[in-house]
């Protein structure tokens, strides 16, 4: 059925790539350390012009990142670290798989001359350039609602094909 409907096949392949990128973005967000500042918002004025204050802020951020002046992790924190390492490993593997899939997709449709195919590929491949594609101009491509039109088109093609086979044998 997909051999006879290359447009749906193309959309399914692109959607799979988009879903892989969406999953990479979600994992990447989960892997980002969230550093809570030890400074209260009232400690500093909203607008700072002092280079010394900026240097102090930068040093505190470095201290937080490298664990300076932070207590030794408890056993509960070790589990969080292990979970983070597992997610980072999964992210690395998923990213490699996503890139490989994208290369395969590009190669498969490299000779397709349709303007809409080239544009869809360019937009889809551009997603991978963003660390957080959900905050990019292409974010609507990642929307889960984007699955619906592709699924509906596929369902219609399947139902149309099924009724064709049924009528072939039973319709006069």
C-alpha atoms as a PDB file:
ATOM      1  CA  UNK A   1       0.000   0.000   0.000  1.00  0.00           C
ATOM      2  CA  UNK A   2       2.840   2.427   0.818  1.00  0.00           C
ATOM      3  CA  UNK A   3       4.593   1.595  -2.468  1.00  0.00           C
ATOM      4  CA  UNK A   4       1.513   2.931  -4.247  1.00  0.00           C
ATOM      5  CA  UNK A   5       1.335   6.032  -2.040  1.00  0.00           C
ATOM      6  CA  UNK A   6       4.781   7.548  -1.860  1.00  0.00           C
ATOM      7  CA  UNK A   7       3.477  10.805  -0.356  1.00  0.00           C
ATOM      8  CA  UNK A   8       2.167   9.058   2.760  1.00  0.00           C
ATOM      9  CA  UNK A   9       5.345   7.002   2.991  1.00  0.00           C
ATOM     10  CA  UNK A  10       7.411  10.195   2.894  1.00  0.00           C
ATOM     11  CA  UNK A  11       5.279  11.851   5.576  1.00  0.00           C
ATOM     12  CA  UNK A  12       5.556   8.785   7.827  1.00  0.00           C
ATOM     13  CA  UNK A  13       9.344   8.741   7.462  1.00  0.00           C
ATOM     14  CA  UNK A  14       9.590  12.470   8.254  1.00  0.00           C
ATOM     15  CA  UNK A  15       7.243  12.078  11.215  1.00  0.00           C
ATOM     16  CA  UNK A  16       9.408   9.303  12.643  1.00  0.00           C
ATOM     17  CA  UNK A  17      12.454  11.578  12.395  1.00  0.00           C
ATOM     18  CA  UNK A  18      10.543  14.416  14.078  1.00  0.00           C
ATOM     19  CA  UNK A  19       9.465  12.072  16.890  1.00  0.00           C
ATOM     20  CA  UNK A  20      13.076  10.987  17.390  1.00  0.00           C
ATOM     21  CA  UNK A  21      14.182  14.622  17.622  1.00  0.00           C
ATOM     22  CA  UNK A  22      11.343  15.380  20.049  1.00  0.00           C
ATOM     23  CA  UNK A  23      12.458  12.509  22.264  1.00  0.00           C
ATOM     24  CA  UNK A  24      16.076  13.732  22.105  1.00  0.00           C
ATOM     25  CA  UNK A  25      14.935  17.203  23.158  1.00  0.00           C
ATOM     26  CA  UNK A  26      12.928  15.837  26.077  1.00  0.00           C
ATOM     27  CA  UNK A  27      15.843  13.709  27.266  1.00  0.00           C
ATOM     28  CA  UNK A  28      18.252  16.613  26.813  1.00  0.00           C
ATOM     29  CA  UNK A  29      16.024  18.783  29.003  1.00  0.00           C
ATOM     30  CA  UNK A  30      15.963  16.064  31.677  1.00  0.00           C
ATOM     31  CA  UNK A  31      19.760  15.773  31.548  1.00  0.00           C
ATOM     32  CA  UNK A  32      20.367  19.487  32.065  1.00  0.00           C
ATOM     33  CA  UNK A  33      21.437  20.117  35.647  1.00  0.00           C
ATOM     34  CA  UNK A  34      19.202  22.507  37.469  1.00  0.00           C
ATOM     35  CA  UNK A  35      21.327  24.651  39.706  1.00  0.00           C
ATOM     36  CA  UNK A  36      19.429  26.450  42.382  1.00  0.00           C
ATOM     37  CA  UNK A  37      21.005  29.693  43.301  1.00  0.00           C
ATOM     38  CA  UNK A  38      22.051  30.227  46.883  1.00  0.00           C
ATOM     39  CA  UNK A  39      21.429  33.917  46.386  1.00  0.00           C
ATOM     40  CA  UNK A  40      18.010  35.322  47.055  1.00  0.00           C
ATOM     41  CA  UNK A  41      16.388  37.631  44.551  1.00  0.00           C
ATOM     42  CA  UNK A  42      16.409  40.434  47.142  1.00  0.00           C
ATOM     43  CA  UNK A  43      20.188  40.189  47.593  1.00  0.00           C
ATOM     44  CA  UNK A  44      20.966  42.001  44.372  1.00  0.00           C
ATOM     45  CA  UNK A  45      19.295  44.858  42.576  1.00  0.00           C
ATOM     46  CA  UNK A  46      17.421  43.935  39.418  1.00  0.00           C
ATOM     47  CA  UNK A  47      19.782  45.878  37.180  1.00  0.00           C
ATOM     48  CA  UNK A  48      23.510  45.493  37.846  1.00  0.00           C
ATOM     49  CA  UNK A  49      26.220  47.578  36.273  1.00  0.00           C
ATOM     50  CA  UNK A  50      29.148  46.505  38.378  1.00  0.00           C
ATOM     51  CA  UNK A  51      31.810  44.301  36.809  1.00  0.00           C
ATOM     52  CA  UNK A  52      32.725  43.113  40.311  1.00  0.00           C
ATOM     53  CA  UNK A  53      29.159  41.891  40.903  1.00  0.00           C
ATOM     54  CA  UNK A  54      29.151  40.074  37.556  1.00  0.00           C
ATOM     55  CA  UNK A  55      32.492  38.426  38.413  1.00  0.00           C
ATOM     56  CA  UNK A  56      31.082  37.376  41.797  1.00  0.00           C
ATOM     57  CA  UNK A  57      27.983  35.900  40.144  1.00  0.00           C
ATOM     58  CA  UNK A  58      30.123  34.045  37.616  1.00  0.00           C
ATOM     59  CA  UNK A  59      32.337  32.626  40.371  1.00  0.00           C
ATOM     60  CA  UNK A  60      29.315  31.472  42.382  1.00  0.00           C
ATOM     61  CA  UNK A  61      27.887  29.740  39.300  1.00  0.00           C
ATOM     62  CA  UNK A  62      31.200  27.962  38.770  1.00  0.00           C
ATOM     63  CA  UNK A  63      31.283  26.960  42.435  1.00  0.00           C
ATOM     64  CA  UNK A  64      27.784  25.523  42.142  1.00  0.00           C
ATOM     65  CA  UNK A  65      28.627  23.632  38.955  1.00  0.00           C
ATOM     66  CA  UNK A  66      31.754  22.067  40.417  1.00  0.00           C
ATOM     67  CA  UNK A  67      30.223  21.311  43.799  1.00  0.00           C
ATOM     68  CA  UNK A  68      32.335  23.754  45.811  1.00  0.00           C
ATOM     69  CA  UNK A  69      30.802  24.422  49.221  1.00  0.00           C
ATOM     70  CA  UNK A  70      28.133  21.815  48.573  1.00  0.00           C
ATOM     71  CA  UNK A  71      27.572  18.964  51.012  1.00  0.00           C
ATOM     72  CA  UNK A  72      28.686  15.447  50.161  1.00  0.00           C
ATOM     73  CA  UNK A  73      25.903  13.627  48.314  1.00  0.00           C
ATOM     74  CA  UNK A  74      23.747  11.338  50.374  1.00  0.00           C
ATOM     75  CA  UNK A  75      22.741   7.879  49.160  1.00  0.00           C
ATOM     76  CA  UNK A  76      19.541   9.367  47.736  1.00  0.00           C
ATOM     77  CA  UNK A  77      21.589  11.797  45.642  1.00  0.00           C
ATOM     78  CA  UNK A  78      23.668   8.923  44.245  1.00  0.00           C
ATOM     79  CA  UNK A  79      20.499   7.373  42.788  1.00  0.00           C
ATOM     80  CA  UNK A  80      19.713  10.681  41.112  1.00  0.00           C
ATOM     81  CA  UNK A  81      23.244  10.799  39.686  1.00  0.00           C
ATOM     82  CA  UNK A  82      22.927   7.214  38.405  1.00  0.00           C
ATOM     83  CA  UNK A  83      19.572   8.068  36.818  1.00  0.00           C
ATOM     84  CA  UNK A  84      21.136  11.129  35.189  1.00  0.00           C
ATOM     85  CA  UNK A  85      23.998   9.028  33.833  1.00  0.00           C
ATOM     86  CA  UNK A  86      21.498   6.502  32.440  1.00  0.00           C
ATOM     87  CA  UNK A  87      19.552   9.298  30.755  1.00  0.00           C
ATOM     88  CA  UNK A  88      22.728  10.815  29.332  1.00  0.00           C
ATOM     89  CA  UNK A  89      23.773   7.435  27.939  1.00  0.00           C
ATOM     90  CA  UNK A  90      20.299   6.958  26.450  1.00  0.00           C
ATOM     91  CA  UNK A  91      20.453  10.484  25.001  1.00  0.00           C
ATOM     92  CA  UNK A  92      23.812   9.802  23.345  1.00  0.00           C
ATOM     93  CA  UNK A  93      22.499   6.572  21.797  1.00  0.00           C
ATOM     94  CA  UNK A  94      19.228   8.152  20.693  1.00  0.00           C
ATOM     95  CA  UNK A  95      21.079  11.114  19.181  1.00  0.00           C
ATOM     96  CA  UNK A  96      23.344   8.762  17.213  1.00  0.00           C
ATOM     97  CA  UNK A  97      20.304   6.777  16.027  1.00  0.00           C
ATOM     98  CA  UNK A  98      18.478   9.982  15.078  1.00  0.00           C
ATOM     99  CA  UNK A  99      21.413  11.260  13.043  1.00  0.00           C
ATOM    100  CA  UNK A 100      21.774   7.889  11.298  1.00  0.00           C
ATOM    101  CA  UNK A 101      18.045   7.831  10.521  1.00  0.00           C
ATOM    102  CA  UNK A 102      18.217  11.394   9.187  1.00  0.00           C
ATOM    103  CA  UNK A 103      21.121  10.494   6.912  1.00  0.00           C
ATOM    104  CA  UNK A 104      19.173   7.494   5.649  1.00  0.00           C
ATOM    105  CA  UNK A 105      16.117   9.685   5.048  1.00  0.00           C
ATOM    106  CA  UNK A 106      18.159  12.286   3.169  1.00  0.00           C
ATOM    107  CA  UNK A 107      19.784   9.630   0.998  1.00  0.00           C
ATOM    108  CA  UNK A 108      16.449   7.981   0.230  1.00  0.00           C
ATOM    109  CA  UNK A 109      14.848  11.219  -0.989  1.00  0.00           C
ATOM    110  CA  UNK A 110      17.973  12.931  -2.368  1.00  0.00           C
ATOM    111  CA  UNK A 111      16.803  12.605  -5.975  1.00  0.00           C
ATOM    112  CA  UNK A 112      13.188  13.604  -5.338  1.00  0.00           C
ATOM    113  CA  UNK A 113      12.520  16.733  -7.385  1.00  0.00           C
ATOM    114  CA  UNK A 114       9.257  17.749  -5.724  1.00  0.00           C
ATOM    115  CA  UNK A 115       9.579  21.212  -4.184  1.00  0.00           C
ATOM    116  CA  UNK A 116       7.367  20.324  -1.183  1.00  0.00           C
ATOM    117  CA  UNK A 117       9.534  17.280  -0.388  1.00  0.00           C
ATOM    118  CA  UNK A 118      12.728  19.331  -0.444  1.00  0.00           C
ATOM    119  CA  UNK A 119      11.138  22.000   1.783  1.00  0.00           C
ATOM    120  CA  UNK A 120       9.794  19.418   4.243  1.00  0.00           C
ATOM    121  CA  UNK A 121      13.224  17.768   4.436  1.00  0.00           C
ATOM    122  CA  UNK A 122      14.976  21.100   4.990  1.00  0.00           C
ATOM    123  CA  UNK A 123      12.579  22.091   7.778  1.00  0.00           C
ATOM    124  CA  UNK A 124      12.750  18.664   9.383  1.00  0.00           C
ATOM    125  CA  UNK A 125      16.541  18.466   9.257  1.00  0.00           C
ATOM    126  CA  UNK A 126      16.856  22.000  10.624  1.00  0.00           C
ATOM    127  CA  UNK A 127      15.279  20.795  13.890  1.00  0.00           C
ATOM    128  CA  UNK A 128      18.409  18.872  14.784  1.00  0.00           C
ATOM    129  CA  UNK A 129      20.475  22.062  14.815  1.00  0.00           C
ATOM    130  CA  UNK A 130      18.725  23.355  17.939  1.00  0.00           C
ATOM    131  CA  UNK A 131      19.720  22.334  21.430  1.00  0.00           C
ATOM    132  CA  UNK A 132      16.122  22.950  22.416  1.00  0.00           C
ATOM    133  CA  UNK A 133      14.034  22.760  19.258  1.00  0.00           C
ATOM    134  CA  UNK A 134      10.860  23.426  21.267  1.00  0.00           C
ATOM    135  CA  UNK A 135      12.021  27.026  21.596  1.00  0.00           C
ATOM    136  CA  UNK A 136      12.836  27.436  17.902  1.00  0.00           C
ATOM    137  CA  UNK A 137      10.790  28.851  15.060  1.00  0.00           C
ATOM    138  CA  UNK A 138      10.272  25.244  13.915  1.00  0.00           C
ATOM    139  CA  UNK A 139       8.719  24.163  17.223  1.00  0.00           C
ATOM    140  CA  UNK A 140       5.275  23.575  15.675  1.00  0.00           C
ATOM    141  CA  UNK A 141       6.759  20.618  13.785  1.00  0.00           C
ATOM    142  CA  UNK A 142       7.386  18.924  17.139  1.00  0.00           C
ATOM    143  CA  UNK A 143       3.803  19.321  18.275  1.00  0.00           C
ATOM    144  CA  UNK A 144       2.162  15.974  19.001  1.00  0.00           C
ATOM    145  CA  UNK A 145      -0.882  17.186  17.067  1.00  0.00           C
ATOM    146  CA  UNK A 146       1.277  16.881  13.940  1.00  0.00           C
ATOM    147  CA  UNK A 147       0.760  13.141  14.145  1.00  0.00           C
ATOM    148  CA  UNK A 148      -2.979  13.445  13.477  1.00  0.00           C
ATOM    149  CA  UNK A 149      -2.986  14.512   9.798  1.00  0.00           C
ATOM    150  CA  UNK A 150      -0.435  11.851   8.889  1.00  0.00           C
ATOM    151  CA  UNK A 151      -2.384   9.174  10.767  1.00  0.00           C
ATOM    152  CA  UNK A 152      -5.655  10.261   9.166  1.00  0.00           C
ATOM    153  CA  UNK A 153      -4.128  10.217   5.692  1.00  0.00           C
ATOM    154  CA  UNK A 154      -2.686   6.757   6.335  1.00  0.00           C
ATOM    155  CA  UNK A 155      -6.004   5.468   7.711  1.00  0.00           C
ATOM    156  CA  UNK A 156      -7.874   6.825   4.695  1.00  0.00           C
ATOM    157  CA  UNK A 157      -5.434   5.142   2.342  1.00  0.00           C
ATOM    158  CA  UNK A 158      -5.744   1.852   4.219  1.00  0.00           C
ATOM    159  CA  UNK A 159      -9.532   2.027   4.280  1.00  0.00           C
ATOM    160  CA  UNK A 160      -9.644   2.995   0.618  1.00  0.00           C
ATOM    161  CA  UNK A 161      -7.354   0.128  -0.270  1.00  0.00           C
ATOM    162  CA  UNK A 162      -9.368  -2.311   1.856  1.00  0.00           C
ATOM    163  CA  UNK A 163     -12.658  -1.295   0.240  1.00  0.00           C
ATOM    164  CA  UNK A 164     -11.015  -1.661  -3.183  1.00  0.00           C
ATOM    165  CA  UNK A 165     -10.051  -5.262  -2.376  1.00  0.00           C
ATOM    166  CA  UNK A 166     -13.478  -6.013  -0.902  1.00  0.00           C
ATOM    167  CA  UNK A 167     -15.294  -4.590  -3.915  1.00  0.00           C
ATOM    168  CA  UNK A 168     -13.029  -6.412  -6.312  1.00  0.00           C
ATOM    169  CA  UNK A 169     -14.261  -9.736  -5.033  1.00  0.00           C
ATOM    170  CA  UNK A 170     -17.799  -8.933  -3.973  1.00  0.00           C
ATOM    171  CA  UNK A 171     -19.050  -5.842  -5.814  1.00  0.00           C
ATOM    172  CA  UNK A 172     -20.721  -6.067  -9.221  1.00  0.00           C
END
